[in-house]
N, C-alpha and C. Protein backbone atom coordinates (compact mmCIF):
# COMPACT_ATOMS: atom_id res chain seq x y z
N MET A 1 44.05 -7.85 2.29
CA MET A 1 42.65 -7.11 1.79
C MET A 1 41.91 -8.16 1.13
N ARG A 2 40.80 -8.45 1.53
CA ARG A 2 39.84 -9.14 0.85
C ARG A 2 39.34 -8.61 -0.46
N ARG A 3 38.81 -9.56 -1.28
CA ARG A 3 38.49 -9.10 -2.54
C ARG A 3 36.81 -8.69 -2.59
N LEU A 4 36.55 -7.89 -3.45
CA LEU A 4 35.10 -7.31 -3.41
C LEU A 4 34.04 -8.38 -3.88
N ASN A 5 33.02 -8.49 -2.95
CA ASN A 5 31.99 -9.40 -3.28
C ASN A 5 30.95 -9.07 -4.35
N ILE A 6 31.25 -9.10 -5.55
CA ILE A 6 30.34 -8.62 -6.63
C ILE A 6 28.85 -8.90 -6.27
N ASP A 7 28.54 -10.15 -5.98
CA ASP A 7 26.90 -10.43 -5.61
C ASP A 7 26.47 -9.42 -4.61
N ALA A 8 27.16 -9.07 -3.59
CA ALA A 8 26.68 -8.06 -2.60
C ALA A 8 26.49 -6.98 -3.05
N LEU A 9 27.35 -6.54 -3.72
CA LEU A 9 27.47 -5.02 -4.38
C LEU A 9 26.22 -4.89 -5.27
N VAL A 10 26.02 -5.84 -6.11
CA VAL A 10 24.87 -5.88 -7.22
C VAL A 10 23.60 -5.95 -6.51
N TYR A 11 23.51 -6.60 -5.36
CA TYR A 11 22.31 -6.75 -4.55
C TYR A 11 21.93 -5.35 -3.80
N CYS A 12 23.04 -4.70 -3.44
CA CYS A 12 22.73 -3.48 -2.61
C CYS A 12 22.39 -2.32 -3.81
N LEU A 13 23.05 -2.35 -4.83
CA LEU A 13 22.65 -1.44 -6.00
C LEU A 13 21.07 -1.60 -6.56
N VAL A 14 20.91 -3.01 -6.67
CA VAL A 14 19.40 -3.28 -7.20
C VAL A 14 18.39 -2.91 -6.13
N SER A 15 18.80 -3.18 -4.80
CA SER A 15 17.80 -2.72 -3.65
C SER A 15 17.81 -1.23 -3.65
N ALA A 16 18.72 -0.44 -3.72
CA ALA A 16 18.60 1.07 -3.62
C ALA A 16 17.87 1.43 -4.77
N ALA A 17 18.14 0.85 -6.12
CA ALA A 17 17.47 1.23 -7.15
C ALA A 17 15.88 1.01 -7.08
N LEU A 18 15.46 -0.10 -6.35
CA LEU A 18 13.98 -0.44 -6.27
C LEU A 18 13.35 0.50 -5.27
N ALA A 19 14.20 0.97 -4.21
CA ALA A 19 13.58 1.95 -3.37
C ALA A 19 13.37 3.35 -4.04
N ILE A 20 14.37 3.70 -4.87
CA ILE A 20 14.34 4.89 -5.43
C ILE A 20 13.05 4.80 -6.38
N ALA A 21 12.89 3.78 -7.07
CA ALA A 21 11.72 3.48 -8.11
C ALA A 21 10.56 3.61 -7.28
N GLY A 22 10.45 3.02 -6.16
CA GLY A 22 9.19 2.97 -5.12
C GLY A 22 9.05 4.70 -4.94
N TRP A 23 9.95 5.36 -4.71
CA TRP A 23 9.94 6.78 -4.44
C TRP A 23 9.10 7.56 -5.66
N LYS A 24 9.69 7.23 -6.80
CA LYS A 24 9.27 7.92 -7.95
C LYS A 24 8.09 7.53 -8.53
N LEU A 25 7.71 6.21 -8.40
CA LEU A 25 6.52 5.58 -8.88
C LEU A 25 5.36 5.81 -8.08
N VAL A 26 5.47 5.63 -6.84
CA VAL A 26 4.48 5.85 -5.83
C VAL A 26 4.40 6.99 -5.17
N ASP A 27 5.22 6.95 -4.13
CA ASP A 27 5.47 8.17 -3.33
C ASP A 27 6.63 7.81 -2.08
N HIS A 28 6.84 8.79 -1.33
CA HIS A 28 8.08 8.47 -0.46
C HIS A 28 7.93 7.42 0.51
N ARG A 29 6.64 7.29 0.85
CA ARG A 29 6.47 6.12 1.92
C ARG A 29 6.88 4.76 1.18
N ALA A 30 6.38 4.55 -0.04
CA ALA A 30 6.82 3.40 -0.60
C ALA A 30 8.26 3.22 -0.52
N GLY A 31 9.01 4.32 -0.98
CA GLY A 31 10.52 4.19 -1.02
C GLY A 31 11.19 3.87 0.27
N LEU A 32 10.34 4.35 1.50
CA LEU A 32 10.89 4.24 2.80
C LEU A 32 10.64 2.68 3.01
N LEU A 33 9.37 2.21 2.54
CA LEU A 33 8.93 0.93 3.05
C LEU A 33 9.98 -0.10 2.28
N LEU A 34 10.26 0.13 1.07
CA LEU A 34 11.28 -0.71 0.38
C LEU A 34 12.61 -0.78 0.90
N SER A 35 13.11 0.26 1.44
CA SER A 35 14.54 0.34 1.93
C SER A 35 14.54 -0.16 3.35
N VAL A 36 13.70 0.35 4.24
CA VAL A 36 13.85 -0.26 5.71
C VAL A 36 13.01 -1.39 5.81
N GLY A 37 11.86 -1.56 5.11
CA GLY A 37 11.01 -2.93 5.22
C GLY A 37 11.82 -4.03 4.64
N LEU A 38 12.44 -3.91 3.67
CA LEU A 38 13.25 -5.17 3.10
C LEU A 38 14.24 -5.50 3.93
N PHE A 39 14.99 -4.26 4.53
CA PHE A 39 16.13 -4.60 5.48
C PHE A 39 15.74 -5.49 6.74
N LEU A 40 14.43 -4.95 7.29
CA LEU A 40 13.90 -5.89 8.48
C LEU A 40 13.44 -7.23 8.02
N ILE A 41 13.10 -7.39 6.74
CA ILE A 41 12.78 -8.83 6.28
C ILE A 41 13.99 -9.72 5.85
N VAL A 42 14.87 -9.06 5.27
CA VAL A 42 15.97 -9.92 4.57
C VAL A 42 16.88 -10.23 5.64
N MET A 43 17.31 -9.32 6.63
CA MET A 43 18.48 -9.69 7.45
C MET A 43 18.11 -10.78 8.49
N PRO A 44 16.86 -10.78 8.98
CA PRO A 44 16.58 -11.90 9.98
C PRO A 44 16.45 -13.28 9.29
N THR A 45 15.86 -13.09 7.96
CA THR A 45 15.72 -14.32 7.10
C THR A 45 17.09 -14.88 6.69
N SER A 46 17.79 -14.11 6.46
CA SER A 46 19.35 -14.63 6.05
C SER A 46 20.07 -15.15 7.31
N ALA A 47 19.86 -14.53 8.38
CA ALA A 47 20.43 -15.07 9.51
C ALA A 47 19.93 -16.31 9.91
N VAL A 48 18.54 -16.59 9.81
CA VAL A 48 17.97 -17.94 10.24
C VAL A 48 18.51 -19.07 9.32
N VAL A 49 18.50 -18.59 8.11
CA VAL A 49 18.87 -19.58 6.85
C VAL A 49 20.44 -20.13 7.22
N LEU A 50 21.23 -19.05 7.25
CA LEU A 50 22.69 -19.46 7.48
C LEU A 50 22.92 -20.15 8.80
N SER A 51 22.24 -19.67 9.93
CA SER A 51 22.49 -20.33 11.09
C SER A 51 21.99 -21.86 11.03
N ARG A 52 20.77 -22.02 10.31
CA ARG A 52 20.29 -23.59 10.51
C ARG A 52 20.88 -24.44 9.39
N THR A 53 21.40 -23.81 8.28
CA THR A 53 21.87 -24.76 7.19
C THR A 53 23.31 -24.38 6.74
N GLY A 54 23.73 -23.20 6.99
CA GLY A 54 25.13 -22.77 6.63
C GLY A 54 25.23 -22.89 5.02
N ASN A 55 24.13 -22.82 4.50
CA ASN A 55 24.14 -22.85 2.82
C ASN A 55 24.18 -21.62 2.26
N PHE A 56 25.16 -21.18 1.76
CA PHE A 56 25.29 -19.67 1.34
C PHE A 56 24.48 -19.46 -0.06
N ALA A 57 24.32 -20.80 -0.85
CA ALA A 57 23.74 -20.57 -2.16
C ALA A 57 22.23 -20.40 -1.82
N LEU A 58 21.73 -21.09 -0.82
CA LEU A 58 20.33 -21.16 -0.56
C LEU A 58 19.92 -19.70 0.12
N GLU A 59 20.78 -19.13 0.85
CA GLU A 59 20.48 -17.77 1.40
C GLU A 59 20.43 -16.67 0.28
N ARG A 60 21.47 -16.79 -0.73
CA ARG A 60 21.58 -15.94 -1.68
C ARG A 60 20.21 -16.05 -2.40
N GLY A 61 19.74 -17.26 -2.78
CA GLY A 61 18.54 -17.33 -3.66
C GLY A 61 17.37 -16.80 -2.84
N ILE A 62 17.21 -17.20 -1.52
CA ILE A 62 16.08 -16.51 -0.82
C ILE A 62 16.05 -14.96 -0.85
N ARG A 63 17.26 -14.56 -0.54
CA ARG A 63 17.38 -12.98 -0.45
C ARG A 63 16.99 -12.39 -1.82
N TRP A 64 17.45 -12.95 -3.00
CA TRP A 64 17.01 -12.42 -4.28
C TRP A 64 15.62 -12.67 -4.60
N GLY A 65 15.15 -13.63 -4.20
CA GLY A 65 13.71 -13.94 -4.19
C GLY A 65 12.82 -12.97 -3.55
N ILE A 66 13.18 -12.59 -2.34
CA ILE A 66 12.57 -11.53 -1.45
C ILE A 66 12.50 -10.37 -2.32
N LEU A 67 13.49 -9.86 -2.94
CA LEU A 67 13.80 -8.82 -3.65
C LEU A 67 12.78 -8.83 -4.99
N ALA A 68 13.00 -9.84 -5.54
CA ALA A 68 12.16 -10.09 -6.76
C ALA A 68 10.63 -9.84 -6.37
N LEU A 69 10.20 -10.49 -5.31
CA LEU A 69 8.74 -10.33 -4.90
C LEU A 69 8.55 -8.85 -4.46
N ALA A 70 9.32 -8.13 -3.80
CA ALA A 70 9.16 -6.81 -3.63
C ALA A 70 8.98 -5.94 -4.93
N ALA A 71 9.94 -6.13 -5.92
CA ALA A 71 9.86 -5.45 -7.05
C ALA A 71 8.38 -5.78 -7.90
N LEU A 72 8.07 -6.99 -7.87
CA LEU A 72 6.75 -7.28 -8.57
C LEU A 72 5.69 -6.57 -7.76
N ALA A 73 5.68 -6.55 -6.31
CA ALA A 73 4.54 -5.99 -5.73
C ALA A 73 4.61 -4.41 -5.99
N LEU A 74 5.78 -3.66 -6.12
CA LEU A 74 5.92 -2.37 -6.42
C LEU A 74 5.39 -1.99 -7.94
N PHE A 75 5.78 -2.86 -8.81
CA PHE A 75 5.29 -2.53 -10.14
C PHE A 75 3.73 -2.93 -10.33
N SER A 76 3.30 -3.86 -9.78
CA SER A 76 1.84 -4.02 -9.74
C SER A 76 1.16 -2.73 -9.06
N PHE A 77 1.53 -2.56 -7.71
CA PHE A 77 0.95 -1.48 -7.20
C PHE A 77 0.97 -0.21 -7.84
N ALA A 78 2.07 0.09 -8.60
CA ALA A 78 2.25 1.42 -9.40
C ALA A 78 1.45 1.42 -10.71
N ASP A 79 1.25 0.11 -11.34
CA ASP A 79 0.38 -0.08 -12.46
C ASP A 79 -1.06 0.17 -12.07
N LEU A 80 -1.50 -0.24 -10.82
CA LEU A 80 -2.70 0.03 -10.49
C LEU A 80 -3.22 1.37 -10.35
N GLY A 81 -2.09 2.33 -10.18
CA GLY A 81 -2.53 3.67 -9.99
C GLY A 81 -1.98 4.25 -8.64
N GLY A 82 -1.43 3.45 -7.80
CA GLY A 82 -0.70 3.81 -6.74
C GLY A 82 -1.33 4.90 -5.97
């Protein structure tokens, strides 16, 4: 049995928390956009980075960067009155 990948688990929990925050702070569409939209952006980006470079550290950095940008966008939008 393989050991648990802590980075992937933390990423999933943070992503889910961000979608729930979008639901609570703005509305249900923001939560849906953050959950499905991030999936549709992160998965192909990760696949391209890994297929071209094979660099897992670069892929992890890009994945976390996309999540950080989504969080900044959510909290900026919520602060403007959503």
